[in-house]
N, C-alpha and C. Protein backbone atom coordinates (compact mmCIF):
# COMPACT_ATOMS: atom_id res chain seq x y z
N MET A 1 1.01 -1.18 0.07
CA MET A 1 -0.01 -0.17 0.03
C MET A 1 0.77 1.06 -0.05
N ALA A 2 0.37 2.19 -0.80
CA ALA A 2 0.92 3.62 -0.82
C ALA A 2 0.88 4.37 0.65
N LYS A 3 1.91 4.96 0.68
CA LYS A 3 1.87 5.55 2.28
C LYS A 3 1.52 7.05 1.94
N LYS A 4 0.40 7.62 2.66
CA LYS A 4 -0.03 8.85 2.42
C LYS A 4 0.56 10.02 3.25
N GLU A 5 0.97 11.12 2.77
CA GLU A 5 1.50 11.97 3.36
C GLU A 5 0.50 13.17 3.51
N PHE A 6 0.31 13.80 4.82
CA PHE A 6 -0.61 14.90 5.05
C PHE A 6 0.40 16.25 5.40
N LEU A 7 -0.11 17.32 4.49
CA LEU A 7 0.60 18.37 4.80
C LEU A 7 -0.26 19.32 6.07
N LYS A 8 0.76 19.66 6.75
CA LYS A 8 0.48 20.24 7.94
C LYS A 8 -0.11 22.00 7.58
N GLU A 9 -0.97 22.18 7.93
CA GLU A 9 -1.75 23.57 7.60
C GLU A 9 -0.93 24.50 8.19
N GLU A 10 -0.66 25.53 7.43
CA GLU A 10 0.10 26.73 7.88
C GLU A 10 -0.76 28.06 8.11
N PRO A 11 -0.45 28.90 9.12
CA PRO A 11 -1.36 30.15 9.12
C PRO A 11 -1.49 30.75 7.86
N GLU A 12 -2.38 31.73 7.90
CA GLU A 12 -2.84 32.13 6.45
C GLU A 12 -1.67 33.17 6.08
N SER A 13 -1.16 34.08 7.04
CA SER A 13 -0.05 34.79 6.55
C SER A 13 1.08 35.25 7.63
N ASN A 14 2.26 34.90 7.38
CA ASN A 14 3.35 35.30 8.38
C ASN A 14 3.73 36.74 8.34
N VAL A 15 3.02 37.45 7.66
CA VAL A 15 3.37 38.88 7.65
C VAL A 15 2.56 39.62 8.57
N GLU A 16 2.91 40.40 9.35
CA GLU A 16 2.13 41.45 10.23
C GLU A 16 1.64 42.54 9.38
N ASP A 17 0.49 42.80 9.71
CA ASP A 17 -0.15 43.96 9.25
C ASP A 17 0.40 45.43 9.82
N THR A 18 1.29 45.70 9.44
CA THR A 18 2.02 47.10 10.09
C THR A 18 2.03 48.17 9.00
N PRO A 19 2.24 49.46 9.51
CA PRO A 19 2.34 50.40 8.54
C PRO A 19 3.44 50.06 7.44
N GLU A 20 4.50 49.61 7.79
CA GLU A 20 5.53 49.37 6.99
C GLU A 20 5.31 48.53 5.99
N ASN A 21 4.11 47.58 6.13
CA ASN A 21 3.95 46.66 4.94
C ASN A 21 2.51 47.09 4.26
N SER A 22 2.33 48.38 4.53
CA SER A 22 1.01 48.90 3.70
C SER A 22 1.41 49.64 2.32
N ALA A 23 0.51 49.82 1.47
CA ALA A 23 0.62 50.45 0.26
C ALA A 23 -0.57 51.35 0.16
N PHE A 24 -0.11 52.57 -0.58
CA PHE A 24 -1.09 53.35 -1.01
C PHE A 24 -1.08 53.93 -2.49
N ALA A 25 -2.09 54.22 -2.88
CA ALA A 25 -2.36 54.59 -4.32
C ALA A 25 -2.95 55.71 -4.71
N CYS A 26 -2.64 56.33 -5.78
CA CYS A 26 -3.09 57.66 -6.37
C CYS A 26 -4.41 57.20 -7.28
N GLU A 27 -5.66 57.25 -7.13
CA GLU A 27 -6.67 57.08 -8.09
C GLU A 27 -6.73 57.92 -9.25
N GLN A 28 -5.97 58.88 -9.35
CA GLN A 28 -6.06 59.94 -10.52
C GLN A 28 -5.11 59.28 -11.58
N CYS A 29 -3.79 59.08 -10.96
CA CYS A 29 -2.80 58.68 -12.07
C CYS A 29 -2.37 57.13 -12.08
N ASN A 30 -3.18 56.46 -11.12
CA ASN A 30 -2.79 55.05 -11.02
C ASN A 30 -1.42 54.24 -10.53
N LYS A 31 -0.72 55.45 -9.85
CA LYS A 31 0.57 55.37 -9.12
C LYS A 31 0.42 54.58 -7.83
N MET A 32 1.52 53.60 -7.52
CA MET A 32 1.39 52.93 -6.15
C MET A 32 2.55 53.26 -5.26
N TYR A 33 2.37 53.33 -4.09
CA TYR A 33 3.44 53.77 -3.07
C TYR A 33 3.58 53.10 -2.22
N PHE A 34 4.55 52.60 -1.61
CA PHE A 34 4.80 51.81 -0.38
C PHE A 34 5.09 52.74 0.81
N HIS A 35 4.92 52.61 2.13
CA HIS A 35 4.42 53.27 3.17
C HIS A 35 5.61 54.34 3.03
N GLU A 36 6.68 53.98 3.24
CA GLU A 36 7.75 55.08 3.38
C GLU A 36 7.82 55.85 2.30
N ASP A 37 7.57 55.54 0.97
CA ASP A 37 7.56 56.49 -0.16
C ASP A 37 6.36 57.45 0.00
N ALA A 38 5.23 57.09 0.49
CA ALA A 38 4.07 57.85 0.60
C ALA A 38 4.38 58.87 1.73
N LEU A 39 5.00 58.43 2.65
CA LEU A 39 5.28 59.53 3.69
C LEU A 39 5.97 60.42 3.27
N ALA A 40 7.24 60.08 2.43
CA ALA A 40 8.09 61.05 1.86
C ALA A 40 7.32 62.11 0.98
N ILE A 41 6.39 61.58 0.44
CA ILE A 41 5.53 62.72 -0.76
C ILE A 41 4.35 63.23 0.08
N SER A 42 4.41 63.19 1.48
CA SER A 42 3.40 63.72 2.43
C SER A 42 1.99 62.91 1.95
N MET A 43 1.87 61.85 1.56
CA MET A 43 0.87 61.05 1.61
C MET A 43 -0.34 61.87 0.54
N THR A 44 0.20 62.56 -0.53
CA THR A 44 -0.46 62.98 -1.54
C THR A 44 -0.11 62.84 -2.82
N CYS A 45 -0.56 62.83 -3.94
CA CYS A 45 -0.10 62.79 -5.26
C CYS A 45 -1.34 63.35 -6.23
N CYS A 46 -0.71 64.26 -7.16
CA CYS A 46 -1.64 65.14 -7.98
C CYS A 46 -2.87 66.05 -7.14
N GLY A 47 -2.23 66.37 -6.32
CA GLY A 47 -3.11 67.10 -5.14
C GLY A 47 -4.09 66.67 -4.52
N GLN A 48 -4.19 65.26 -4.54
CA GLN A 48 -5.26 64.57 -3.80
C GLN A 48 -4.63 63.46 -2.93
N PRO A 49 -5.27 63.20 -1.71
CA PRO A 49 -4.51 62.29 -0.61
C PRO A 49 -4.78 60.88 -1.34
N LEU A 50 -3.65 60.27 -0.86
CA LEU A 50 -3.37 58.75 -1.38
C LEU A 50 -4.49 57.81 -0.70
N LYS A 51 -4.84 56.80 -1.30
CA LYS A 51 -5.96 55.91 -0.80
C LYS A 51 -5.17 54.45 -0.28
N GLU A 52 -5.21 54.18 0.86
CA GLU A 52 -4.64 53.01 1.53
C GLU A 52 -5.39 51.91 0.74
N LEU A 53 -4.51 50.88 0.21
CA LEU A 53 -4.95 49.68 -0.42
C LEU A 53 -4.64 48.60 0.85
N HIS A 54 -5.76 47.64 0.63
CA HIS A 54 -5.63 46.45 1.63
C HIS A 54 -5.47 45.23 0.82
N TYR A 55 -4.60 44.50 1.37
CA TYR A 55 -4.27 43.17 0.61
C TYR A 55 -3.80 42.11 1.36
N GLU A 56 -3.73 41.03 1.28
CA GLU A 56 -3.06 39.87 1.90
C GLU A 56 -1.86 39.41 1.01
N ALA A 57 -0.81 39.49 2.00
CA ALA A 57 0.46 39.04 1.61
C ALA A 57 0.39 37.55 1.98
N VAL A 58 0.97 36.55 0.67
CA VAL A 58 1.06 35.28 0.55
C VAL A 58 2.52 34.98 0.59
N ILE A 59 2.85 34.18 1.50
CA ILE A 59 4.27 33.72 1.42
C ILE A 59 4.36 32.24 1.28
N PRO A 60 5.05 31.98 0.11
CA PRO A 60 4.75 30.34 -0.28
C PRO A 60 5.78 29.57 0.78
């Protein structure tokens, strides 16, 4: 008989949801910025505030 192997379930994400892992986007010109870059441009682009993106990071 063949031996069955079972994979252990991993947590959904090993990345913490911290400001350093967040991203922001300008809806007007479709540019995306990471947190430190968004801070460098005062959280604005094209005269509008940047919108925070919500995403799940998946690490294989």
